[in-house]
Amino acid sequence: SDAVVRNFEIIGEAATKIPPEIKNRYSNIEWHRIVSIRNRIIHEYFGVDYSIIWKIIELNLDKLKSDIERILIEL
């Protein structure tokens, strides 16, 4: 489970490096939420709520993956 949380940190950190023009072009992706999740994980000194992480995985991860794959093809 720590590895899963670490991957969320990496995804969020990567989202901070995406140029604004790309974020604007793909505004259907909630970039601010991705970064926000990363920030909550990084600054959650007393533990991570794994039920929230699991809910994100169940509800959002497949769509985010397909959106990112599409962006990579288009760029």
PDB file of N, CA and C in Angstrom:
ATOM      1  N   SER A   1       0.813  -1.204   0.000  1.00  0.00           N
ATOM      2  CA  SER A   1       0.000   0.000   0.000  1.00  0.00           C
ATOM      3  C   SER A   1       0.859   1.271   0.000  1.00  0.00           C
ATOM      4  N   ASP A   2       2.038   1.191   0.614  1.00  0.00           N
ATOM      5  CA  ASP A   2       2.934   2.350   0.575  1.00  0.00           C
ATOM      6  C   ASP A   2       3.395   2.642  -0.848  1.00  0.00           C
ATOM      7  N   ALA A   3       3.584   1.583  -1.642  1.00  0.00           N
ATOM      8  CA  ALA A   3       4.003   1.772  -3.030  1.00  0.00           C
ATOM      9  C   ALA A   3       2.902   2.459  -3.838  1.00  0.00           C
ATOM     10  N   VAL A   4       1.667   2.114  -3.566  1.00  0.00           N
ATOM     11  CA  VAL A   4       0.542   2.754  -4.256  1.00  0.00           C
ATOM     12  C   VAL A   4       0.500   4.241  -3.916  1.00  0.00           C
ATOM     13  N   VAL A   5       0.640   4.548  -2.642  1.00  0.00           N
ATOM     14  CA  VAL A   5       0.642   5.949  -2.207  1.00  0.00           C
ATOM     15  C   VAL A   5       1.811   6.687  -2.841  1.00  0.00           C
ATOM     16  N   ARG A   6       2.954   6.045  -2.903  1.00  0.00           N
ATOM     17  CA  ARG A   6       4.134   6.669  -3.529  1.00  0.00           C
ATOM     18  C   ARG A   6       3.862   6.978  -4.996  1.00  0.00           C
ATOM     19  N   ASN A   7       3.180   6.091  -5.691  1.00  0.00           N
ATOM     20  CA  ASN A   7       2.842   6.353  -7.090  1.00  0.00           C
ATOM     21  C   ASN A   7       1.908   7.552  -7.225  1.00  0.00           C
ATOM     22  N   PHE A   8       0.990   7.726  -6.289  1.00  0.00           N
ATOM     23  CA  PHE A   8       0.138   8.912  -6.301  1.00  0.00           C
ATOM     24  C   PHE A   8       0.966  10.175  -6.097  1.00  0.00           C
ATOM     25  N   GLU A   9       1.961  10.097  -5.232  1.00  0.00           N
ATOM     26  CA  GLU A   9       2.861  11.236  -5.033  1.00  0.00           C
ATOM     27  C   GLU A   9       3.569  11.580  -6.338  1.00  0.00           C
ATOM     28  N   ILE A  10       4.067  10.569  -7.024  1.00  0.00           N
ATOM     29  CA  ILE A  10       4.798  10.772  -8.279  1.00  0.00           C
ATOM     30  C   ILE A  10       3.880  11.358  -9.352  1.00  0.00           C
ATOM     31  N   ILE A  11       2.670  10.830  -9.463  1.00  0.00           N
ATOM     32  CA  ILE A  11       1.711  11.353 -10.440  1.00  0.00           C
ATOM     33  C   ILE A  11       1.413  12.825 -10.152  1.00  0.00           C
ATOM     34  N   GLY A  12       1.192  13.141  -8.895  1.00  0.00           N
ATOM     35  CA  GLY A  12       0.902  14.525  -8.517  1.00  0.00           C
ATOM     36  C   GLY A  12       2.066  15.450  -8.774  1.00  0.00           C
ATOM     37  N   GLU A  13       3.263  14.981  -8.473  1.00  0.00           N
ATOM     38  CA  GLU A  13       4.460  15.796  -8.723  1.00  0.00           C
ATOM     39  C   GLU A  13       4.639  16.025 -10.220  1.00  0.00           C
ATOM     40  N   ALA A  14       4.418  14.988 -11.016  1.00  0.00           N
ATOM     41  CA  ALA A  14       4.521  15.129 -12.471  1.00  0.00           C
ATOM     42  C   ALA A  14       3.498  16.141 -12.985  1.00  0.00           C
ATOM     43  N   ALA A  15       2.313  16.145 -12.409  1.00  0.00           N
ATOM     44  CA  ALA A  15       1.269  17.084 -12.837  1.00  0.00           C
ATOM     45  C   ALA A  15       1.674  18.530 -12.587  1.00  0.00           C
ATOM     46  N   THR A  16       2.508  18.761 -11.572  1.00  0.00           N
ATOM     47  CA  THR A  16       2.966  20.134 -11.321  1.00  0.00           C
ATOM     48  C   THR A  16       3.932  20.610 -12.394  1.00  0.00           C
ATOM     49  N   LYS A  17       4.529  19.697 -13.132  1.00  0.00           N
ATOM     50  CA  LYS A  17       5.530  20.037 -14.152  1.00  0.00           C
ATOM     51  C   LYS A  17       4.929  20.208 -15.545  1.00  0.00           C
ATOM     52  N   ILE A  18       3.657  19.917 -15.693  1.00  0.00           N
ATOM     53  CA  ILE A  18       3.018  20.013 -17.003  1.00  0.00           C
ATOM     54  C   ILE A  18       2.801  21.487 -17.343  1.00  0.00           C
ATOM     55  N   PRO A  19       3.239  21.908 -18.521  1.00  0.00           N
ATOM     56  CA  PRO A  19       3.096  23.317 -18.910  1.00  0.00           C
ATOM     57  C   PRO A  19       1.624  23.750 -18.952  1.00  0.00           C
ATOM     58  N   PRO A  20       1.381  25.011 -18.616  1.00  0.00           N
ATOM     59  CA  PRO A  20      -0.004  25.524 -18.609  1.00  0.00           C
ATOM     60  C   PRO A  20      -0.730  25.332 -19.940  1.00  0.00           C
ATOM     61  N   GLU A  21      -0.017  25.465 -21.048  1.00  0.00           N
ATOM     62  CA  GLU A  21      -0.696  25.313 -22.344  1.00  0.00           C
ATOM     63  C   GLU A  21      -1.225  23.893 -22.546  1.00  0.00           C
ATOM     64  N   ILE A  22      -0.521  22.907 -22.026  1.00  0.00           N
ATOM     65  CA  ILE A  22      -1.004  21.521 -22.106  1.00  0.00           C
ATOM     66  C   ILE A  22      -2.206  21.351 -21.175  1.00  0.00           C
ATOM     67  N   LYS A  23      -2.109  21.890 -19.976  1.00  0.00           N
ATOM     68  CA  LYS A  23      -3.235  21.805 -19.035  1.00  0.00           C
ATOM     69  C   LYS A  23      -4.473  22.486 -19.605  1.00  0.00           C
ATOM     70  N   ASN A  24      -4.286  23.614 -20.271  1.00  0.00           N
ATOM     71  CA  ASN A  24      -5.421  24.315 -20.878  1.00  0.00           C
ATOM     72  C   ASN A  24      -5.999  23.527 -22.043  1.00  0.00           C
ATOM     73  N   ARG A  25      -5.136  22.924 -22.833  1.00  0.00           N
ATOM     74  CA  ARG A  25      -5.588  22.136 -23.983  1.00  0.00           C
ATOM     75  C   ARG A  25      -6.386  20.918 -23.534  1.00  0.00           C
ATOM     76  N   TYR A  26      -6.005  20.352 -22.410  1.00  0.00           N
ATOM     77  CA  TYR A  26      -6.670  19.162 -21.873  1.00  0.00           C
ATOM     78  C   TYR A  26      -7.332  19.513 -20.547  1.00  0.00           C
ATOM     79  N   SER A  27      -8.196  20.491 -20.613  1.00  0.00           N
ATOM     80  CA  SER A  27      -8.832  21.003 -19.397  1.00  0.00           C
ATOM     81  C   SER A  27      -9.878  20.049 -18.822  1.00  0.00           C
ATOM     82  N   ASN A  28     -10.213  18.998 -19.569  1.00  0.00           N
ATOM     83  CA  ASN A  28     -11.135  17.996 -19.034  1.00  0.00           C
ATOM     84  C   ASN A  28     -10.498  17.199 -17.894  1.00  0.00           C
ATOM     85  N   ILE A  29      -9.177  17.213 -17.819  1.00  0.00           N
ATOM     86  CA  ILE A  29      -8.469  16.539 -16.732  1.00  0.00           C
ATOM     87  C   ILE A  29      -8.395  17.508 -15.562  1.00  0.00           C
ATOM     88  N   GLU A  30      -8.726  17.021 -14.396  1.00  0.00           N
ATOM     89  CA  GLU A  30      -8.734  17.874 -13.206  1.00  0.00           C
ATOM     90  C   GLU A  30      -7.335  17.927 -12.594  1.00  0.00           C
ATOM     91  N   TRP A  31      -6.470  18.682 -13.256  1.00  0.00           N
ATOM     92  CA  TRP A  31      -5.065  18.768 -12.850  1.00  0.00           C
ATOM     93  C   TRP A  31      -4.933  19.240 -11.404  1.00  0.00           C
ATOM     94  N   HIS A  32      -5.731  20.211 -11.030  1.00  0.00           N
ATOM     95  CA  HIS A  32      -5.645  20.750  -9.668  1.00  0.00           C
ATOM     96  C   HIS A  32      -5.975  19.688  -8.620  1.00  0.00           C
ATOM     97  N   ARG A  33      -6.901  18.793  -8.937  1.00  0.00           N
ATOM     98  CA  ARG A  33      -7.233  17.717  -7.989  1.00  0.00           C
ATOM     99  C   ARG A  33      -6.099  16.713  -7.873  1.00  0.00           C
ATOM    100  N   ILE A  34      -5.428  16.441  -8.977  1.00  0.00           N
ATOM    101  CA  ILE A  34      -4.292  15.517  -8.954  1.00  0.00           C
ATOM    102  C   ILE A  34      -3.196  16.071  -8.051  1.00  0.00           C
ATOM    103  N   VAL A  35      -2.896  17.342  -8.222  1.00  0.00           N
ATOM    104  CA  VAL A  35      -1.871  17.987  -7.394  1.00  0.00           C
ATOM    105  C   VAL A  35      -2.335  18.062  -5.942  1.00  0.00           C
ATOM    106  N   SER A  36      -3.599  18.338  -5.745  1.00  0.00           N
ATOM    107  CA  SER A  36      -4.144  18.428  -4.393  1.00  0.00           C
ATOM    108  C   SER A  36      -4.024  17.099  -3.646  1.00  0.00           C
ATOM    109  N   ILE A  37      -4.287  16.012  -4.335  1.00  0.00           N
ATOM    110  CA  ILE A  37      -4.141  14.689  -3.712  1.00  0.00           C
ATOM    111  C   ILE A  37      -2.694  14.461  -3.315  1.00  0.00           C
ATOM    112  N   ARG A  38      -1.786  14.806  -4.193  1.00  0.00           N
ATOM    113  CA  ARG A  38      -0.360  14.672  -3.882  1.00  0.00           C
ATOM    114  C   ARG A  38       0.001  15.489  -2.647  1.00  0.00           C
ATOM    115  N   ASN A  39      -0.474  16.722  -2.600  1.00  0.00           N
ATOM    116  CA  ASN A  39      -0.164  17.590  -1.466  1.00  0.00           C
ATOM    117  C   ASN A  39      -0.712  17.032  -0.161  1.00  0.00           C
ATOM    118  N   ARG A  40      -1.913  16.490  -0.211  1.00  0.00           N
ATOM    119  CA  ARG A  40      -2.498  15.904   1.001  1.00  0.00           C
ATOM    120  C   ARG A  40      -1.689  14.704   1.473  1.00  0.00           C
ATOM    121  N   ILE A  41      -1.231  13.886   0.542  1.00  0.00           N
ATOM    122  CA  ILE A  41      -0.425  12.721   0.918  1.00  0.00           C
ATOM    123  C   ILE A  41       0.901  13.170   1.522  1.00  0.00           C
ATOM    124  N   ILE A  42       1.563  14.095   0.860  1.00  0.00           N
ATOM    125  CA  ILE A  42       2.880  14.555   1.305  1.00  0.00           C
ATOM    126  C   ILE A  42       2.810  15.179   2.693  1.00  0.00           C
ATOM    127  N   HIS A  43       1.755  15.930   2.959  1.00  0.00           N
ATOM    128  CA  HIS A  43       1.681  16.683   4.210  1.00  0.00           C
ATOM    129  C   HIS A  43       0.832  16.007   5.281  1.00  0.00           C
ATOM    130  N   GLU A  44       0.422  14.784   5.024  1.00  0.00           N
ATOM    131  CA  GLU A  44      -0.384  14.049   6.001  1.00  0.00           C
ATOM    132  C   GLU A  44       0.554  13.323   6.955  1.00  0.00           C
ATOM    133  N   TYR A  45       0.947  14.028   7.973  1.00  0.00           N
ATOM    134  CA  TYR A  45       1.976  13.530   8.886  1.00  0.00           C
ATOM    135  C   TYR A  45       1.498  12.386   9.772  1.00  0.00           C
ATOM    136  N   PHE A  46       0.201  12.246   9.949  1.00  0.00           N
ATOM    137  CA  PHE A  46      -0.316  11.232  10.865  1.00  0.00           C
ATOM    138  C   PHE A  46      -0.963  10.064  10.136  1.00  0.00           C
ATOM    139  N   GLY A  47      -0.628   9.898   8.896  1.00  0.00           N
ATOM    140  CA  GLY A  47      -1.131   8.753   8.152  1.00  0.00           C
ATOM    141  C   GLY A  47      -2.041   9.145   7.006  1.00  0.00           C
ATOM    142  N   VAL A  48      -2.136   8.244   6.073  1.00  0.00           N
ATOM    143  CA  VAL A  48      -2.940   8.431   4.876  1.00  0.00           C
ATOM    144  C   VAL A  48      -4.228   7.632   5.045  1.00  0.00           C
ATOM    145  N   ASP A  49      -5.330   8.196   4.612  1.00  0.00           N
ATOM    146  CA  ASP A  49      -6.606   7.487   4.641  1.00  0.00           C
ATOM    147  C   ASP A  49      -6.680   6.604   3.391  1.00  0.00           C
ATOM    148  N   TYR A  50      -6.402   5.321   3.578  1.00  0.00           N
ATOM    149  CA  TYR A  50      -6.345   4.400   2.447  1.00  0.00           C
ATOM    150  C   TYR A  50      -7.712   4.187   1.804  1.00  0.00           C
ATOM    151  N   SER A  51      -8.780   4.425   2.525  1.00  0.00           N
ATOM    152  CA  SER A  51     -10.103   4.286   1.912  1.00  0.00           C
ATOM    153  C   SER A  51     -10.310   5.352   0.838  1.00  0.00           C
ATOM    154  N   ILE A  52      -9.756   6.536   1.054  1.00  0.00           N
ATOM    155  CA  ILE A  52      -9.837   7.593   0.037  1.00  0.00           C
ATOM    156  C   ILE A  52      -8.992   7.218  -1.173  1.00  0.00           C
ATOM    157  N   ILE A  53      -7.788   6.721  -0.922  1.00  0.00           N
ATOM    158  CA  ILE A  53      -6.915   6.292  -2.020  1.00  0.00           C
ATOM    159  C   ILE A  53      -7.607   5.211  -2.843  1.00  0.00           C
ATOM    160  N   TRP A  54      -8.221   4.247  -2.174  1.00  0.00           N
ATOM    161  CA  TRP A  54      -8.893   3.155  -2.881  1.00  0.00           C
ATOM    162  C   TRP A  54     -10.063   3.683  -3.705  1.00  0.00           C
ATOM    163  N   LYS A  55     -10.804   4.629  -3.160  1.00  0.00           N
ATOM    164  CA  LYS A  55     -11.933   5.211  -3.888  1.00  0.00           C
ATOM    165  C   LYS A  55     -11.450   5.927  -5.154  1.00  0.00           C
ATOM    166  N   ILE A  56     -10.341   6.627  -5.049  1.00  0.00           N
ATOM    167  CA  ILE A  56      -9.762   7.296  -6.219  1.00  0.00           C
ATOM    168  C   ILE A  56      -9.375   6.265  -7.270  1.00  0.00           C
ATOM    169  N   ILE A  57      -8.758   5.182  -6.827  1.00  0.00           N
ATOM    170  CA  ILE A  57      -8.371   4.117  -7.758  1.00  0.00           C
ATOM    171  C   ILE A  57      -9.603   3.567  -8.465  1.00  0.00           C
ATOM    172  N   GLU A  58     -10.635   3.260  -7.712  1.00  0.00           N
ATOM    173  CA  GLU A  58     -11.847   2.666  -8.279  1.00  0.00           C
ATOM    174  C   GLU A  58     -12.572   3.604  -9.237  1.00  0.00           C
ATOM    175  N   LEU A  59     -12.635   4.880  -8.891  1.00  0.00           N
ATOM    176  CA  LEU A  59     -13.480   5.807  -9.641  1.00  0.00           C
ATOM    177  C   LEU A  59     -12.758   6.611 -10.714  1.00  0.00           C
ATOM    178  N   ASN A  60     -11.451   6.823 -10.566  1.00  0.00           N
ATOM    179  CA  ASN A  60     -10.792   7.798 -11.433  1.00  0.00           C
ATOM    180  C   ASN A  60      -9.565   7.308 -12.184  1.00  0.00           C
ATOM    181  N   LEU A  61      -8.906   6.298 -11.695  1.00  0.00           N
ATOM    182  CA  LEU A  61      -7.587   5.969 -12.234  1.00  0.00           C
ATOM    183  C   LEU A  61      -7.623   5.475 -13.677  1.00  0.00           C
ATOM    184  N   ASP A  62      -8.596   4.625 -14.027  1.00  0.00           N
ATOM    185  CA  ASP A  62      -8.667   4.131 -15.407  1.00  0.00           C
ATOM    186  C   ASP A  62      -8.870   5.271 -16.399  1.00  0.00           C
ATOM    187  N   LYS A  63      -9.753   6.196 -16.059  1.00  0.00           N
ATOM    188  CA  LYS A  63      -9.994   7.339 -16.960  1.00  0.00           C
ATOM    189  C   LYS A  63      -8.756   8.208 -17.084  1.00  0.00           C
ATOM    190  N   LEU A  64      -8.093   8.476 -15.962  1.00  0.00           N
ATOM    191  CA  LEU A  64      -6.870   9.281 -16.013  1.00  0.00           C
ATOM    192  C   LEU A  64      -5.823   8.595 -16.878  1.00  0.00           C
ATOM    193  N   LYS A  65      -5.671   7.300 -16.712  1.00  0.00           N
ATOM    194  CA  LYS A  65      -4.692   6.557 -17.514  1.00  0.00           C
ATOM    195  C   LYS A  65      -5.002   6.684 -19.003  1.00  0.00           C
ATOM    196  N   SER A  66      -6.248   6.484 -19.384  1.00  0.00           N
ATOM    197  CA  SER A  66      -6.595   6.583 -20.808  1.00  0.00           C
ATOM    198  C   SER A  66      -6.441   8.014 -21.322  1.00  0.00           C
ATOM    199  N   ASP A  67      -6.762   9.005 -20.496  1.00  0.00           N
ATOM    200  CA  ASP A  67      -6.567  10.407 -20.902  1.00  0.00           C
ATOM    201  C   ASP A  67      -5.087  10.709 -21.141  1.00  0.00           C
ATOM    202  N   ILE A  68      -4.232  10.257 -20.245  1.00  0.00           N
ATOM    203  CA  ILE A  68      -2.791  10.499 -20.381  1.00  0.00           C
ATOM    204  C   ILE A  68      -2.240   9.766 -21.601  1.00  0.00           C
ATOM    205  N   GLU A  69      -2.694   8.540 -21.828  1.00  0.00           N
ATOM    206  CA  GLU A  69      -2.248   7.801 -23.017  1.00  0.00           C
ATOM    207  C   GLU A  69      -2.642   8.543 -24.290  1.00  0.00           C
ATOM    208  N   ARG A  70      -3.848   9.106 -24.309  1.00  0.00           N
ATOM    209  CA  ARG A  70      -4.310   9.870 -25.479  1.00  0.00           C
ATOM    210  C   ARG A  70      -3.452  11.119 -25.679  1.00  0.00           C
ATOM    211  N   ILE A  71      -3.129  11.804 -24.594  1.00  0.00           N
ATOM    212  CA  ILE A  71      -2.278  12.992 -24.684  1.00  0.00           C
ATOM    213  C   ILE A  71      -0.924  12.619 -25.270  1.00  0.00           C
ATOM    214  N   LEU A  72      -0.347  11.544 -24.801  1.00  0.00           N
ATOM    215  CA  LEU A  72       0.969  11.126 -25.297  1.00  0.00           C
ATOM    216  C   LEU A  72       0.933  10.806 -26.785  1.00  0.00           C
ATOM    217  N   ILE A  73      -0.151  10.217 -27.250  1.00  0.00           N
ATOM    218  CA  ILE A  73      -0.291   9.922 -28.680  1.00  0.00           C
ATOM    219  C   ILE A  73      -0.417  11.221 -29.479  1.00  0.00           C
ATOM    220  N   GLU A  74      -1.208  12.155 -28.967  1.00  0.00           N
ATOM    221  CA  GLU A  74      -1.455  13.410 -29.681  1.00  0.00           C
ATOM    222  C   GLU A  74      -0.245  14.336 -29.700  1.00  0.00           C
ATOM    223  N   LEU A  75       0.600  14.232 -28.687  1.00  0.00           N
ATOM    224  CA  LEU A  75       1.774  15.095 -28.655  1.00  0.00           C
ATOM    225  C   LEU A  75       2.865  14.465 -29.475  1.00  0.00           C
TER     226      LEU A  75
END
